[in-house]
């Protein structure tokens, strides 16, 4: 299966539609952004959606997050058609990493240097994540594995939890949670 990726300009448009929001964000605002981007609601409550990357006959992978089922707290969407195991070909990994690097370059020009994490480099399980922390207290991450490129926009509350987890990991080590159970 050939992987299709969004043009850089479209990916940047999709991401920046969510990055300058004043929090808390109303459901009305979140759904208006979804609709303006041309994403199509799939669920009765409007939180799950399809994009131009969703193959015909498949469910959309996009989701508008809710804290306690009532407060908007972020959104997750793909920047490429997902290619699952067994469907990957010799172009999947190079396509993934070329698109990912193009997106990171464009986003860095707008938002500055991200926090970058790379695991399993050079293997077929390699994954990369770049995270930008925004002036409004929110953040977003661009994550990729061979065949998948995903964006997660996080609320200020979820961003705080992420930063606190990083702080505790730095202080107590990678298994810090086990020390407090």
N, C-alpha and C. Protein backbone atom coordinates (compact mmCIF):
# COMPACT_ATOMS: atom_id res chain seq x y z
N UNK A 1 0.85 -1.18 0.00
CA UNK A 1 0.00 0.00 0.00
C UNK A 1 0.89 1.24 0.00
N UNK A 2 0.62 2.15 -0.90
CA UNK A 2 1.41 3.37 -1.00
C UNK A 2 0.90 4.39 0.02
N UNK A 3 1.85 4.95 0.75
CA UNK A 3 1.52 5.94 1.78
C UNK A 3 1.37 7.31 1.13
N UNK A 4 0.27 7.99 1.47
CA UNK A 4 0.06 9.36 0.99
C UNK A 4 0.24 10.30 2.17
N UNK A 5 0.98 11.38 1.95
CA UNK A 5 1.20 12.37 3.00
C UNK A 5 0.62 13.71 2.57
N UNK A 6 0.24 14.51 3.56
CA UNK A 6 -0.26 15.85 3.26
C UNK A 6 0.88 16.74 2.79
N UNK A 7 0.60 17.66 1.87
CA UNK A 7 1.60 18.67 1.54
C UNK A 7 1.94 19.45 2.82
N UNK A 8 3.17 19.93 2.92
CA UNK A 8 3.62 20.64 4.11
C UNK A 8 2.70 21.81 4.43
N UNK A 9 2.30 22.57 3.41
CA UNK A 9 1.44 23.74 3.65
C UNK A 9 0.11 23.35 4.29
N UNK A 10 -0.46 22.25 3.84
CA UNK A 10 -1.74 21.78 4.40
C UNK A 10 -1.54 21.29 5.83
N UNK A 11 -0.46 20.55 6.06
CA UNK A 11 -0.18 20.07 7.42
C UNK A 11 -0.03 21.25 8.38
N UNK A 12 0.71 22.27 7.95
CA UNK A 12 0.89 23.46 8.79
C UNK A 12 -0.45 24.15 9.03
N UNK A 13 -1.28 24.24 8.00
CA UNK A 13 -2.61 24.85 8.16
C UNK A 13 -3.44 24.09 9.19
N UNK A 14 -3.44 22.76 9.11
CA UNK A 14 -4.21 21.96 10.04
C UNK A 14 -3.72 22.17 11.47
N UNK A 15 -2.41 22.18 11.65
CA UNK A 15 -1.85 22.32 13.00
C UNK A 15 -2.09 23.72 13.56
N UNK A 16 -1.79 24.74 12.77
CA UNK A 16 -1.91 26.12 13.28
C UNK A 16 -3.36 26.53 13.52
N UNK A 17 -4.31 25.81 12.94
CA UNK A 17 -5.72 26.09 13.24
C UNK A 17 -6.01 25.87 14.72
N UNK A 18 -5.21 25.04 15.39
CA UNK A 18 -5.44 24.66 16.78
C UNK A 18 -4.47 25.30 17.77
N UNK A 19 -3.39 25.93 17.30
CA UNK A 19 -2.31 26.31 18.22
C UNK A 19 -2.46 27.65 18.92
N UNK A 20 -3.22 28.58 18.37
CA UNK A 20 -3.31 29.91 18.96
C UNK A 20 -4.60 30.13 19.74
N UNK A 21 -5.22 29.07 20.15
CA UNK A 21 -6.51 29.18 20.84
C UNK A 21 -6.35 29.71 22.25
N UNK A 22 -7.38 30.39 22.71
CA UNK A 22 -7.43 30.81 24.11
C UNK A 22 -8.18 29.71 24.87
N UNK A 23 -7.56 29.19 25.91
CA UNK A 23 -8.13 28.09 26.68
C UNK A 23 -8.86 28.63 27.90
N UNK A 24 -9.94 27.99 28.35
CA UNK A 24 -10.53 26.78 27.78
C UNK A 24 -11.21 27.06 26.44
N UNK A 25 -11.25 26.03 25.61
CA UNK A 25 -11.83 26.11 24.28
C UNK A 25 -13.23 25.50 24.33
N UNK A 26 -14.19 26.20 23.78
CA UNK A 26 -15.57 25.69 23.78
C UNK A 26 -15.73 24.60 22.73
N UNK A 27 -16.73 23.75 22.93
CA UNK A 27 -17.05 22.74 21.93
C UNK A 27 -17.42 23.41 20.61
N UNK A 28 -18.13 24.51 20.68
CA UNK A 28 -18.53 25.23 19.48
C UNK A 28 -17.30 25.64 18.67
N UNK A 29 -16.27 26.14 19.33
CA UNK A 29 -15.03 26.52 18.64
C UNK A 29 -14.34 25.30 18.05
N UNK A 30 -14.23 24.24 18.83
CA UNK A 30 -13.56 23.02 18.35
C UNK A 30 -14.26 22.46 17.12
N UNK A 31 -15.58 22.38 17.16
CA UNK A 31 -16.33 21.85 16.02
C UNK A 31 -16.26 22.79 14.82
N UNK A 32 -16.22 24.09 15.06
CA UNK A 32 -16.09 25.06 13.96
C UNK A 32 -14.74 24.90 13.26
N UNK A 33 -13.68 24.66 14.02
CA UNK A 33 -12.36 24.43 13.42
C UNK A 33 -12.39 23.15 12.61
N UNK A 34 -12.94 22.08 13.20
CA UNK A 34 -13.07 20.80 12.48
C UNK A 34 -13.77 21.01 11.14
N UNK A 35 -14.88 21.72 11.16
CA UNK A 35 -15.66 21.94 9.94
C UNK A 35 -14.92 22.83 8.94
N UNK A 36 -14.26 23.87 9.43
CA UNK A 36 -13.52 24.78 8.54
C UNK A 36 -12.40 24.05 7.81
N UNK A 37 -11.79 23.06 8.47
CA UNK A 37 -10.72 22.28 7.85
C UNK A 37 -11.26 21.23 6.89
N UNK A 38 -12.58 21.11 6.81
CA UNK A 38 -13.18 20.14 5.89
C UNK A 38 -13.23 18.73 6.44
N UNK A 39 -13.02 18.58 7.72
CA UNK A 39 -13.10 17.27 8.35
C UNK A 39 -14.58 16.93 8.55
N UNK A 40 -14.91 15.66 8.41
CA UNK A 40 -16.31 15.24 8.44
C UNK A 40 -16.58 14.45 9.71
N UNK A 41 -17.55 14.93 10.50
CA UNK A 41 -17.93 14.25 11.74
C UNK A 41 -18.45 12.86 11.42
N UNK A 42 -18.05 11.88 12.23
CA UNK A 42 -18.49 10.51 12.04
C UNK A 42 -19.35 9.99 13.17
N UNK A 43 -19.28 10.62 14.30
CA UNK A 43 -20.03 10.12 15.44
C UNK A 43 -21.17 11.08 15.77
N UNK A 44 -22.13 10.57 16.50
CA UNK A 44 -23.29 11.39 16.86
C UNK A 44 -22.88 12.64 17.64
N UNK A 45 -21.87 12.50 18.51
CA UNK A 45 -21.45 13.66 19.30
C UNK A 45 -20.45 14.55 18.56
N UNK A 46 -20.03 14.15 17.35
CA UNK A 46 -19.16 14.98 16.53
C UNK A 46 -17.69 14.92 16.87
N UNK A 47 -17.31 14.12 17.86
CA UNK A 47 -15.91 14.09 18.29
C UNK A 47 -15.01 13.25 17.38
N UNK A 48 -15.53 12.26 16.72
CA UNK A 48 -14.73 11.43 15.81
C UNK A 48 -14.95 11.93 14.39
N UNK A 49 -13.86 11.94 13.59
CA UNK A 49 -14.00 12.54 12.26
C UNK A 49 -13.08 11.88 11.24
N UNK A 50 -13.43 12.14 9.98
CA UNK A 50 -12.66 11.70 8.81
C UNK A 50 -11.99 12.92 8.20
N UNK A 51 -10.90 12.69 7.49
CA UNK A 51 -10.23 13.75 6.75
C UNK A 51 -10.05 13.29 5.31
N UNK A 52 -9.44 14.12 4.49
CA UNK A 52 -9.17 13.74 3.10
C UNK A 52 -8.24 12.54 3.02
N UNK A 53 -7.55 12.22 4.10
CA UNK A 53 -6.64 11.08 4.12
C UNK A 53 -7.32 9.77 4.49
N UNK A 54 -8.57 9.83 4.93
CA UNK A 54 -9.28 8.62 5.33
C UNK A 54 -9.68 7.85 4.07
N UNK A 55 -9.19 6.61 3.92
CA UNK A 55 -9.56 5.82 2.74
C UNK A 55 -11.07 5.56 2.69
N UNK A 56 -11.63 5.48 1.48
CA UNK A 56 -13.06 5.18 1.34
C UNK A 56 -13.41 3.87 2.07
N UNK A 57 -14.52 3.88 2.77
CA UNK A 57 -14.97 2.69 3.47
C UNK A 57 -14.32 2.47 4.83
N UNK A 58 -13.36 3.29 5.19
CA UNK A 58 -12.69 3.16 6.49
C UNK A 58 -13.23 4.20 7.46
N UNK A 59 -13.16 3.88 8.74
CA UNK A 59 -13.53 4.86 9.76
C UNK A 59 -12.40 5.88 9.88
N UNK A 60 -12.77 7.10 10.21
CA UNK A 60 -11.77 8.13 10.42
C UNK A 60 -10.97 7.89 11.69
N UNK A 61 -9.72 8.34 11.67
CA UNK A 61 -8.86 8.15 12.83
C UNK A 61 -8.80 9.39 13.71
N UNK A 62 -9.41 10.48 13.29
CA UNK A 62 -9.34 11.72 14.06
C UNK A 62 -10.29 11.71 15.24
N UNK A 63 -9.85 12.34 16.34
CA UNK A 63 -10.71 12.43 17.52
C UNK A 63 -10.46 13.75 18.25
N UNK A 64 -11.55 14.36 18.63
CA UNK A 64 -11.50 15.56 19.47
C UNK A 64 -11.68 15.07 20.90
N UNK A 65 -10.67 15.34 21.73
CA UNK A 65 -10.64 14.80 23.08
C UNK A 65 -11.54 15.54 24.05
N UNK A 66 -11.96 14.81 25.07
CA UNK A 66 -12.83 15.38 26.11
C UNK A 66 -12.33 14.97 27.48
N UNK A 67 -12.21 15.94 28.37
CA UNK A 67 -11.89 15.64 29.76
C UNK A 67 -13.21 15.38 30.48
N UNK A 68 -13.28 14.25 31.15
CA UNK A 68 -14.49 13.88 31.88
C UNK A 68 -15.73 13.92 30.99
N UNK A 69 -15.56 13.65 29.71
CA UNK A 69 -16.65 13.60 28.73
C UNK A 69 -17.41 14.91 28.55
N UNK A 70 -16.88 16.02 29.05
CA UNK A 70 -17.64 17.26 28.86
C UNK A 70 -16.80 18.48 28.52
N UNK A 71 -15.49 18.43 28.67
CA UNK A 71 -14.67 19.60 28.41
C UNK A 71 -13.63 19.29 27.33
N UNK A 72 -13.58 20.09 26.27
CA UNK A 72 -12.60 19.91 25.21
C UNK A 72 -11.19 19.97 25.78
N UNK A 73 -10.35 18.97 25.44
CA UNK A 73 -8.98 19.02 25.94
C UNK A 73 -7.92 18.69 24.89
N UNK A 74 -8.29 18.69 23.62
CA UNK A 74 -7.29 18.49 22.58
C UNK A 74 -7.86 17.75 21.39
N UNK A 75 -6.97 17.49 20.44
CA UNK A 75 -7.39 16.82 19.22
C UNK A 75 -6.21 16.00 18.69
N UNK A 76 -6.52 14.87 18.07
CA UNK A 76 -5.52 14.00 17.47
C UNK A 76 -5.93 13.74 16.03
N UNK A 77 -4.96 13.88 15.10
CA UNK A 77 -5.26 13.62 13.70
C UNK A 77 -3.99 13.18 12.98
N UNK A 78 -4.20 12.52 11.84
CA UNK A 78 -3.09 12.00 11.04
C UNK A 78 -2.72 12.97 9.93
N UNK A 79 -1.44 12.96 9.56
CA UNK A 79 -0.96 13.76 8.43
C UNK A 79 -0.61 12.88 7.23
N UNK A 80 -0.93 11.60 7.33
CA UNK A 80 -0.66 10.66 6.24
C UNK A 80 -1.65 9.50 6.35
N UNK A 81 -1.86 8.83 5.23
CA UNK A 81 -2.67 7.62 5.29
C UNK A 81 -1.89 6.59 6.10
N UNK A 82 -2.52 5.96 7.08
CA UNK A 82 -1.78 4.98 7.87
C UNK A 82 -1.52 3.71 7.06
N UNK A 83 -0.31 3.20 7.17
CA UNK A 83 0.05 1.95 6.50
C UNK A 83 0.38 0.95 7.61
N UNK A 84 -0.44 -0.06 7.74
CA UNK A 84 -0.29 -1.03 8.82
C UNK A 84 0.65 -2.16 8.43
N UNK A 85 1.09 -2.90 9.45
CA UNK A 85 1.97 -4.06 9.19
C UNK A 85 1.33 -4.95 8.14
N UNK A 86 2.16 -5.52 7.33
CA UNK A 86 1.68 -6.39 6.28
C UNK A 86 1.30 -5.64 5.01
N UNK A 87 1.10 -4.34 5.12
CA UNK A 87 0.76 -3.52 3.95
C UNK A 87 1.93 -2.61 3.56
N UNK A 88 2.97 -2.57 4.39
CA UNK A 88 4.11 -1.69 4.12
C UNK A 88 4.91 -2.24 2.94
N UNK A 89 5.52 -1.30 2.19
CA UNK A 89 6.42 -1.70 1.13
C UNK A 89 7.74 -0.96 1.32
N UNK A 90 8.64 -1.09 0.34
CA UNK A 90 9.98 -0.49 0.48
C UNK A 90 9.96 1.03 0.50
N UNK A 91 8.85 1.66 0.13
CA UNK A 91 8.79 3.13 0.15
C UNK A 91 8.18 3.68 1.43
N UNK A 92 7.59 2.82 2.27
CA UNK A 92 6.87 3.32 3.45
C UNK A 92 7.77 4.08 4.41
N UNK A 93 8.87 3.48 4.86
CA UNK A 93 9.75 4.15 5.82
C UNK A 93 10.37 5.42 5.23
N UNK A 94 10.95 5.38 4.01
CA UNK A 94 11.51 6.62 3.47
C UNK A 94 10.46 7.72 3.29
N UNK A 95 9.25 7.35 2.90
CA UNK A 95 8.17 8.34 2.75
C UNK A 95 7.82 8.94 4.11
N UNK A 96 7.70 8.09 5.13
CA UNK A 96 7.38 8.56 6.48
C UNK A 96 8.42 9.56 6.95
N UNK A 97 9.70 9.18 6.88
CA UNK A 97 10.75 10.04 7.46
C UNK A 97 10.97 11.30 6.65
N UNK A 98 10.82 11.25 5.35
CA UNK A 98 10.96 12.47 4.53
C UNK A 98 9.85 13.47 4.86
N UNK A 99 8.62 12.98 4.96
CA UNK A 99 7.50 13.86 5.30
C UNK A 99 7.66 14.40 6.72
N UNK A 100 7.99 13.53 7.65
CA UNK A 100 8.17 13.95 9.04
C UNK A 100 9.20 15.07 9.14
N UNK A 101 10.35 14.89 8.51
CA UNK A 101 11.41 15.91 8.57
C UNK A 101 10.95 17.21 7.91
N UNK A 102 10.20 17.12 6.82
CA UNK A 102 9.67 18.33 6.17
C UNK A 102 8.72 19.07 7.10
N UNK A 103 7.87 18.33 7.78
CA UNK A 103 6.93 18.95 8.72
C UNK A 103 7.69 19.61 9.88
N UNK A 104 8.67 18.90 10.45
CA UNK A 104 9.44 19.45 11.57
C UNK A 104 10.15 20.73 11.15
N UNK A 105 10.74 20.73 9.97
CA UNK A 105 11.44 21.93 9.48
C UNK A 105 10.49 23.11 9.37
N UNK A 106 9.33 22.89 8.77
CA UNK A 106 8.35 23.98 8.60
C UNK A 106 7.82 24.46 9.95
N UNK A 107 7.53 23.55 10.85
CA UNK A 107 6.98 23.92 12.16
C UNK A 107 8.02 24.61 13.03
N UNK A 108 9.28 24.22 12.90
CA UNK A 108 10.35 24.86 13.65
C UNK A 108 10.51 26.31 13.23
N UNK A 109 10.30 26.59 11.96
CA UNK A 109 10.38 27.99 11.49
C UNK A 109 9.29 28.85 12.13
N UNK A 110 8.18 28.25 12.46
CA UNK A 110 7.05 28.98 13.07
C UNK A 110 7.16 29.01 14.59
N UNK A 111 7.44 27.86 15.21
CA UNK A 111 7.34 27.71 16.66
C UNK A 111 8.67 27.60 17.39
N UNK A 112 9.78 27.56 16.67
CA UNK A 112 11.08 27.39 17.32
C UNK A 112 11.42 25.92 17.48
N UNK A 113 12.53 25.67 18.15
CA UNK A 113 13.03 24.31 18.31
C UNK A 113 12.11 23.48 19.21
N UNK A 114 11.80 22.26 18.79
CA UNK A 114 10.97 21.38 19.63
C UNK A 114 11.82 20.56 20.59
N UNK A 115 11.15 19.93 21.53
CA UNK A 115 11.78 18.88 22.33
C UNK A 115 11.67 17.62 21.47
N UNK A 116 12.79 16.98 21.22
CA UNK A 116 12.78 15.82 20.33
C UNK A 116 13.15 14.54 21.07
N UNK A 117 12.41 13.48 20.74
CA UNK A 117 12.68 12.16 21.29
C UNK A 117 12.73 11.20 20.12
N UNK A 118 13.76 10.36 20.10
CA UNK A 118 13.91 9.36 19.05
C UNK A 118 14.24 8.03 19.73
N UNK A 119 13.47 6.99 19.40
CA UNK A 119 13.69 5.68 19.98
C UNK A 119 13.88 4.65 18.87
N UNK A 120 14.68 3.66 19.16
CA UNK A 120 14.92 2.53 18.24
C UNK A 120 15.43 3.01 16.87
N UNK A 121 16.31 4.00 16.86
CA UNK A 121 16.82 4.57 15.60
C UNK A 121 17.38 3.49 14.68
N UNK A 122 17.02 3.61 13.42
CA UNK A 122 17.54 2.71 12.39
C UNK A 122 16.87 1.36 12.33
N UNK A 123 15.97 1.06 13.25
CA UNK A 123 15.29 -0.24 13.22
C UNK A 123 13.92 -0.07 12.59
N UNK A 124 13.25 -1.19 12.35
CA UNK A 124 11.91 -1.11 11.79
C UNK A 124 10.88 -0.69 12.85
N UNK A 125 11.33 -0.52 14.10
CA UNK A 125 10.45 -0.04 15.18
C UNK A 125 10.77 1.40 15.55
N UNK A 126 11.57 2.07 14.73
CA UNK A 126 11.95 3.45 15.04
C UNK A 126 10.72 4.33 15.22
N UNK A 127 10.77 5.18 16.23
CA UNK A 127 9.72 6.19 16.36
C UNK A 127 10.36 7.51 16.79
N UNK A 128 9.73 8.58 16.33
CA UNK A 128 10.23 9.92 16.60
C UNK A 128 9.07 10.78 17.08
N UNK A 129 9.41 11.75 17.94
CA UNK A 129 8.39 12.68 18.41
C UNK A 129 9.04 14.04 18.64
N UNK A 130 8.42 15.05 18.10
CA UNK A 130 8.83 16.44 18.33
C UNK A 130 7.66 17.15 19.01
N UNK A 131 7.96 17.84 20.11
CA UNK A 131 6.92 18.52 20.88
C UNK A 131 7.26 19.99 21.03
N UNK A 132 6.27 20.82 20.76
CA UNK A 132 6.41 22.27 20.91
C UNK A 132 5.51 22.72 22.06
N UNK A 133 6.06 23.54 22.95
CA UNK A 133 5.32 24.11 24.07
C UNK A 133 4.99 25.55 23.72
N UNK A 134 3.71 25.90 23.81
CA UNK A 134 3.21 27.16 23.27
C UNK A 134 2.97 28.21 24.35
N UNK A 135 3.01 29.49 23.97
CA UNK A 135 2.80 30.57 24.93
C UNK A 135 1.45 30.52 25.66
N UNK A 136 0.44 29.92 25.04
CA UNK A 136 -0.87 29.85 25.69
C UNK A 136 -0.98 28.70 26.69
N UNK A 137 0.14 28.01 26.95
CA UNK A 137 0.16 26.92 27.92
C UNK A 137 -0.12 25.56 27.33
N UNK A 138 -0.60 25.51 26.09
CA UNK A 138 -0.87 24.23 25.44
C UNK A 138 0.40 23.74 24.75
N UNK A 139 0.30 22.61 24.11
CA UNK A 139 1.44 22.06 23.37
C UNK A 139 0.91 21.20 22.24
N UNK A 140 1.82 20.85 21.34
CA UNK A 140 1.45 19.86 20.34
C UNK A 140 2.66 19.01 20.02
N UNK A 141 2.38 17.76 19.66
CA UNK A 141 3.42 16.81 19.31
C UNK A 141 3.18 16.29 17.91
N UNK A 142 4.26 16.11 17.20
CA UNK A 142 4.26 15.45 15.90
C UNK A 142 5.00 14.14 16.13
N UNK A 143 4.29 13.04 15.99
CA UNK A 143 4.89 11.74 16.22
C UNK A 143 4.85 10.89 14.96
N UNK A 144 5.84 10.01 14.82
CA UNK A 144 5.87 9.15 13.63
C UNK A 144 6.53 7.82 13.94
N UNK A 145 6.00 6.82 13.27
CA UNK A 145 6.60 5.50 13.14
C UNK A 145 6.46 5.17 11.67
N UNK A 146 7.22 4.23 11.18
CA UNK A 146 7.10 3.88 9.77
C UNK A 146 5.64 3.56 9.44
N UNK A 147 5.05 4.37 8.56
CA UNK A 147 3.67 4.16 8.14
C UNK A 147 2.64 5.01 8.85
N UNK A 148 3.05 5.79 9.86
CA UNK A 148 2.10 6.61 10.62
C UNK A 148 2.74 7.95 10.96
N UNK A 149 2.00 9.04 10.70
CA UNK A 149 2.42 10.37 11.15
C UNK A 149 1.20 11.00 11.81
N UNK A 150 1.33 11.36 13.09
CA UNK A 150 0.19 11.80 13.88
C UNK A 150 0.51 13.09 14.63
N UNK A 151 -0.50 13.92 14.76
CA UNK A 151 -0.39 15.16 15.55
C UNK A 151 -1.32 15.05 16.75
N UNK A 152 -0.83 15.45 17.91
CA UNK A 152 -1.65 15.54 19.12
C UNK A 152 -1.54 16.96 19.66
N UNK A 153 -2.68 17.63 19.76
CA UNK A 153 -2.75 18.96 20.35
C UNK A 153 -3.23 18.76 21.79
N UNK A 154 -2.49 19.29 22.77
CA UNK A 154 -2.84 19.08 24.17
C UNK A 154 -3.24 20.38 24.85
N UNK A 155 -4.22 20.28 25.72
CA UNK A 155 -4.68 21.41 26.52
C UNK A 155 -3.58 21.84 27.48
N UNK A 156 -3.70 23.04 28.05
CA UNK A 156 -2.73 23.44 29.07
C UNK A 156 -2.65 22.46 30.25
N UNK A 157 -3.77 21.88 30.65
CA UNK A 157 -3.76 20.91 31.75
C UNK A 157 -2.97 19.66 31.39
N UNK A 158 -3.21 19.14 30.19
CA UNK A 158 -2.48 17.95 29.75
C UNK A 158 -1.01 18.27 29.51
N UNK A 159 -0.73 19.48 29.05
CA UNK A 159 0.65 19.91 28.85
C UNK A 159 1.37 19.98 30.19
N UNK A 160 0.71 20.54 31.20
CA UNK A 160 1.30 20.60 32.54
C UNK A 160 1.63 19.19 33.04
N UNK A 161 0.71 18.25 32.85
CA UNK A 161 0.93 16.87 33.29
C UNK A 161 2.12 16.26 32.56
N UNK A 162 2.27 16.54 31.27
CA UNK A 162 3.40 16.06 30.49
C UNK A 162 4.71 16.63 31.05
N UNK A 163 4.74 17.93 31.28
CA UNK A 163 5.95 18.57 31.81
C UNK A 163 6.29 18.06 33.21
N UNK A 164 5.28 17.84 34.03
CA UNK A 164 5.51 17.32 35.38
C UNK A 164 6.06 15.90 35.32
N UNK A 165 5.54 15.09 34.41
CA UNK A 165 6.05 13.73 34.24
C UNK A 165 7.52 13.76 33.81
N UNK A 166 7.86 14.66 32.90
CA UNK A 166 9.26 14.80 32.48
C UNK A 166 10.15 15.20 33.66
N UNK A 167 9.66 16.14 34.47
CA UNK A 167 10.43 16.61 35.63
C UNK A 167 10.68 15.46 36.60
N UNK A 168 9.64 14.68 36.88
CA UNK A 168 9.78 13.56 37.81
C UNK A 168 10.69 12.47 37.24
N UNK A 169 10.60 12.23 35.95
CA UNK A 169 11.48 11.24 35.33
C UNK A 169 12.93 11.69 35.42
N UNK A 170 13.17 12.97 35.20
CA UNK A 170 14.53 13.50 35.30
C UNK A 170 15.06 13.38 36.73
N UNK A 171 14.19 13.61 37.70
CA UNK A 171 14.59 13.58 39.11
C UNK A 171 14.76 12.16 39.64
N UNK A 172 13.80 11.26 39.30
CA UNK A 172 13.78 9.92 39.90
C UNK A 172 14.11 8.79 38.93
N UNK A 173 14.23 9.07 37.65
CA UNK A 173 14.53 8.03 36.68
C UNK A 173 13.29 7.61 35.90
N UNK A 174 13.50 6.78 34.86
CA UNK A 174 12.39 6.43 33.96
C UNK A 174 11.26 5.64 34.61
N UNK A 175 11.52 4.95 35.70
CA UNK A 175 10.47 4.17 36.36
C UNK A 175 9.97 4.86 37.63
N UNK A 176 9.95 6.18 37.60
CA UNK A 176 9.62 6.96 38.80
C UNK A 176 8.24 6.62 39.37
N UNK A 177 7.29 6.28 38.51
CA UNK A 177 5.93 6.00 38.99
C UNK A 177 5.89 4.81 39.94
N UNK A 178 6.74 3.81 39.67
CA UNK A 178 6.77 2.61 40.50
C UNK A 178 7.22 2.92 41.93
N UNK A 179 8.01 3.98 42.09
CA UNK A 179 8.50 4.35 43.42
C UNK A 179 7.39 4.88 44.31
N UNK A 180 6.29 5.32 43.70
CA UNK A 180 5.22 5.95 44.47
C UNK A 180 3.95 5.11 44.53
N UNK A 181 4.03 3.87 44.07
CA UNK A 181 2.84 3.01 44.09
C UNK A 181 2.66 2.34 45.43
